[in-house]
Amino acid sequence: MWTHAKDIKVIDRADGKAKVYILARHDGFYEYRGEAEIQGDEYEGVYWSPTEISGLFASAHEAERAAFDDVPWLRQQNRALPDSD
């Protein structure tokens, strides 16, 4: 799915219509990206669209904590914050 990075964790929204990927980039940094299911018109149908793209982080833990801080549905989903590395 990504050419510049590898998924190391995927966090799904409870309804399955959004997700956040924690990515390990090939350059040694980490980031997160979000996407959501979008209902298009009769020609497009349902598709997934990007919703968040983070900056760069020194660790996967930092990227995941930032996602919990920045992505509203993650905060509302009442998940525990990830443990430290």
C-alpha atoms as a PDB file:
ATOM      1  CA  MET A   1       0.000   0.000   0.000  1.00  0.00           C
ATOM      2  CA  TRP A   2       2.840   2.403   0.842  1.00  0.00           C
ATOM      3  CA  THR A   3       6.016   2.724  -1.214  1.00  0.00           C
ATOM      4  CA  HIS A   4       7.954   4.775   1.351  1.00  0.00           C
ATOM      5  CA  ALA A   5       7.071   2.876   4.525  1.00  0.00           C
ATOM      6  CA  LYS A   6       5.762  -0.321   6.115  1.00  0.00           C
ATOM      7  CA  ASP A   7       2.641  -0.613   8.321  1.00  0.00           C
ATOM      8  CA  ILE A   8       3.604  -1.580  11.829  1.00  0.00           C
ATOM      9  CA  LYS A   9       0.185  -1.059  13.405  1.00  0.00           C
ATOM     10  CA  VAL A  10      -3.349  -0.388  12.188  1.00  0.00           C
ATOM     11  CA  ILE A  11      -5.963   1.085  14.541  1.00  0.00           C
ATOM     12  CA  ASP A  12      -9.548   0.670  13.324  1.00  0.00           C
ATOM     13  CA  ARG A  13     -12.447   2.866  14.336  1.00  0.00           C
ATOM     14  CA  ALA A  14     -15.138   0.844  16.109  1.00  0.00           C
ATOM     15  CA  ASP A  15     -17.540   1.104  13.149  1.00  0.00           C
ATOM     16  CA  GLY A  16     -14.860   0.004  10.651  1.00  0.00           C
ATOM     17  CA  LYS A  17     -15.234   3.168   8.553  1.00  0.00           C
ATOM     18  CA  ALA A  18     -11.898   4.803   9.463  1.00  0.00           C
ATOM     19  CA  LYS A  19      -8.408   3.692  10.404  1.00  0.00           C
ATOM     20  CA  VAL A  20      -5.015   5.047  11.358  1.00  0.00           C
ATOM     21  CA  TYR A  21      -1.797   3.419  10.188  1.00  0.00           C
ATOM     22  CA  ILE A  22       1.415   3.733  12.193  1.00  0.00           C
ATOM     23  CA  LEU A  23       4.211   3.552   9.627  1.00  0.00           C
ATOM     24  CA  ALA A  24       7.938   2.795   9.800  1.00  0.00           C
ATOM     25  CA  ARG A  25       9.527   4.791   7.012  1.00  0.00           C
ATOM     26  CA  HIS A  26      12.494   3.495   5.025  1.00  0.00           C
ATOM     27  CA  ASP A  27      14.561   6.508   6.162  1.00  0.00           C
ATOM     28  CA  GLY A  28      14.312   5.447   9.830  1.00  0.00           C
ATOM     29  CA  PHE A  29      11.544   7.847  10.889  1.00  0.00           C
ATOM     30  CA  TYR A  30       7.916   7.088  11.774  1.00  0.00           C
ATOM     31  CA  GLU A  31       4.603   8.699  10.890  1.00  0.00           C
ATOM     32  CA  TYR A  32       0.883   8.049  10.987  1.00  0.00           C
ATOM     33  CA  ARG A  33      -1.711   8.339   8.271  1.00  0.00           C
ATOM     34  CA  GLY A  34      -5.460   8.140   8.527  1.00  0.00           C
ATOM     35  CA  GLU A  35      -8.124   7.267   6.029  1.00  0.00           C
ATOM     36  CA  ALA A  36     -11.893   6.978   6.049  1.00  0.00           C
ATOM     37  CA  GLU A  37     -14.525   5.238   4.003  1.00  0.00           C
ATOM     38  CA  ILE A  38     -16.364   7.727   1.795  1.00  0.00           C
ATOM     39  CA  GLN A  39     -19.729   7.169   0.148  1.00  0.00           C
ATOM     40  CA  GLY A  40     -19.347   8.554  -3.369  1.00  0.00           C
ATOM     41  CA  ASP A  41     -22.027   9.100  -5.954  1.00  0.00           C
ATOM     42  CA  GLU A  42     -23.586   6.402  -8.145  1.00  0.00           C
ATOM     43  CA  TYR A  43     -20.469   6.356 -10.348  1.00  0.00           C
ATOM     44  CA  GLU A  44     -17.776   6.345  -7.662  1.00  0.00           C
ATOM     45  CA  GLY A  45     -19.411   4.088  -5.102  1.00  0.00           C
ATOM     46  CA  VAL A  46     -17.649   3.567  -1.766  1.00  0.00           C
ATOM     47  CA  TYR A  47     -13.930   4.358  -1.577  1.00  0.00           C
ATOM     48  CA  TRP A  48     -11.218   5.111   1.006  1.00  0.00           C
ATOM     49  CA  SER A  49      -9.824   8.645   1.197  1.00  0.00           C
ATOM     50  CA  PRO A  50      -6.865  10.090   3.166  1.00  0.00           C
ATOM     51  CA  THR A  51      -7.870  12.068   6.253  1.00  0.00           C
ATOM     52  CA  GLU A  52      -4.651  12.692   8.221  1.00  0.00           C
ATOM     53  CA  ILE A  53      -0.958  12.803   7.363  1.00  0.00           C
ATOM     54  CA  SER A  54       1.411  13.458  10.247  1.00  0.00           C
ATOM     55  CA  GLY A  55       4.875  14.880  10.463  1.00  0.00           C
ATOM     56  CA  LEU A  56       7.900  12.743  11.243  1.00  0.00           C
ATOM     57  CA  PHE A  57       8.683  11.110  14.587  1.00  0.00           C
ATOM     58  CA  ALA A  58      11.769   9.456  16.054  1.00  0.00           C
ATOM     59  CA  SER A  59       9.802   6.404  17.292  1.00  0.00           C
ATOM     60  CA  ALA A  60       6.638   4.463  16.584  1.00  0.00           C
ATOM     61  CA  HIS A  61       5.508   5.239  20.124  1.00  0.00           C
ATOM     62  CA  GLU A  62       5.735   8.999  19.485  1.00  0.00           C
ATOM     63  CA  ALA A  63       3.776   8.651  16.234  1.00  0.00           C
ATOM     64  CA  GLU A  64       1.045   6.626  17.936  1.00  0.00           C
ATOM     65  CA  ARG A  65       0.742   9.055  20.857  1.00  0.00           C
ATOM     66  CA  ALA A  66       0.479  11.953  18.394  1.00  0.00           C
ATOM     67  CA  ALA A  67      -2.279  10.121  16.532  1.00  0.00           C
ATOM     68  CA  PHE A  68      -4.202   9.691  19.807  1.00  0.00           C
ATOM     69  CA  ASP A  69      -3.756  13.424  20.470  1.00  0.00           C
ATOM     70  CA  ASP A  70      -4.670  14.571  16.952  1.00  0.00           C
ATOM     71  CA  VAL A  71      -7.354  12.232  15.590  1.00  0.00           C
ATOM     72  CA  PRO A  72     -10.772  13.016  17.151  1.00  0.00           C
ATOM     73  CA  TRP A  73     -12.317   9.544  16.822  1.00  0.00           C
ATOM     74  CA  LEU A  74      -9.291   7.946  18.538  1.00  0.00           C
ATOM     75  CA  ARG A  75      -9.776  10.216  21.548  1.00  0.00           C
ATOM     76  CA  GLN A  76     -13.523   9.514  21.565  1.00  0.00           C
ATOM     77  CA  GLN A  77     -13.068   5.776  21.223  1.00  0.00           C
ATOM     78  CA  ASN A  78     -11.760   5.743  24.813  1.00  0.00           C
ATOM     79  CA  ARG A  79      -8.746   3.572  24.131  1.00  0.00           C
ATOM     80  CA  ALA A  80      -5.853   3.488  26.556  1.00  0.00           C
ATOM     81  CA  LEU A  81      -2.795   5.427  25.451  1.00  0.00           C
ATOM     82  CA  PRO A  82      -0.001   3.183  24.191  1.00  0.00           C
ATOM     83  CA  ASP A  83       2.711   2.153  26.650  1.00  0.00           C
ATOM     84  CA  SER A  84       6.142   3.693  26.325  1.00  0.00           C
ATOM     85  CA  ASP A  85       8.820   1.908  24.268  1.00  0.00           C
END
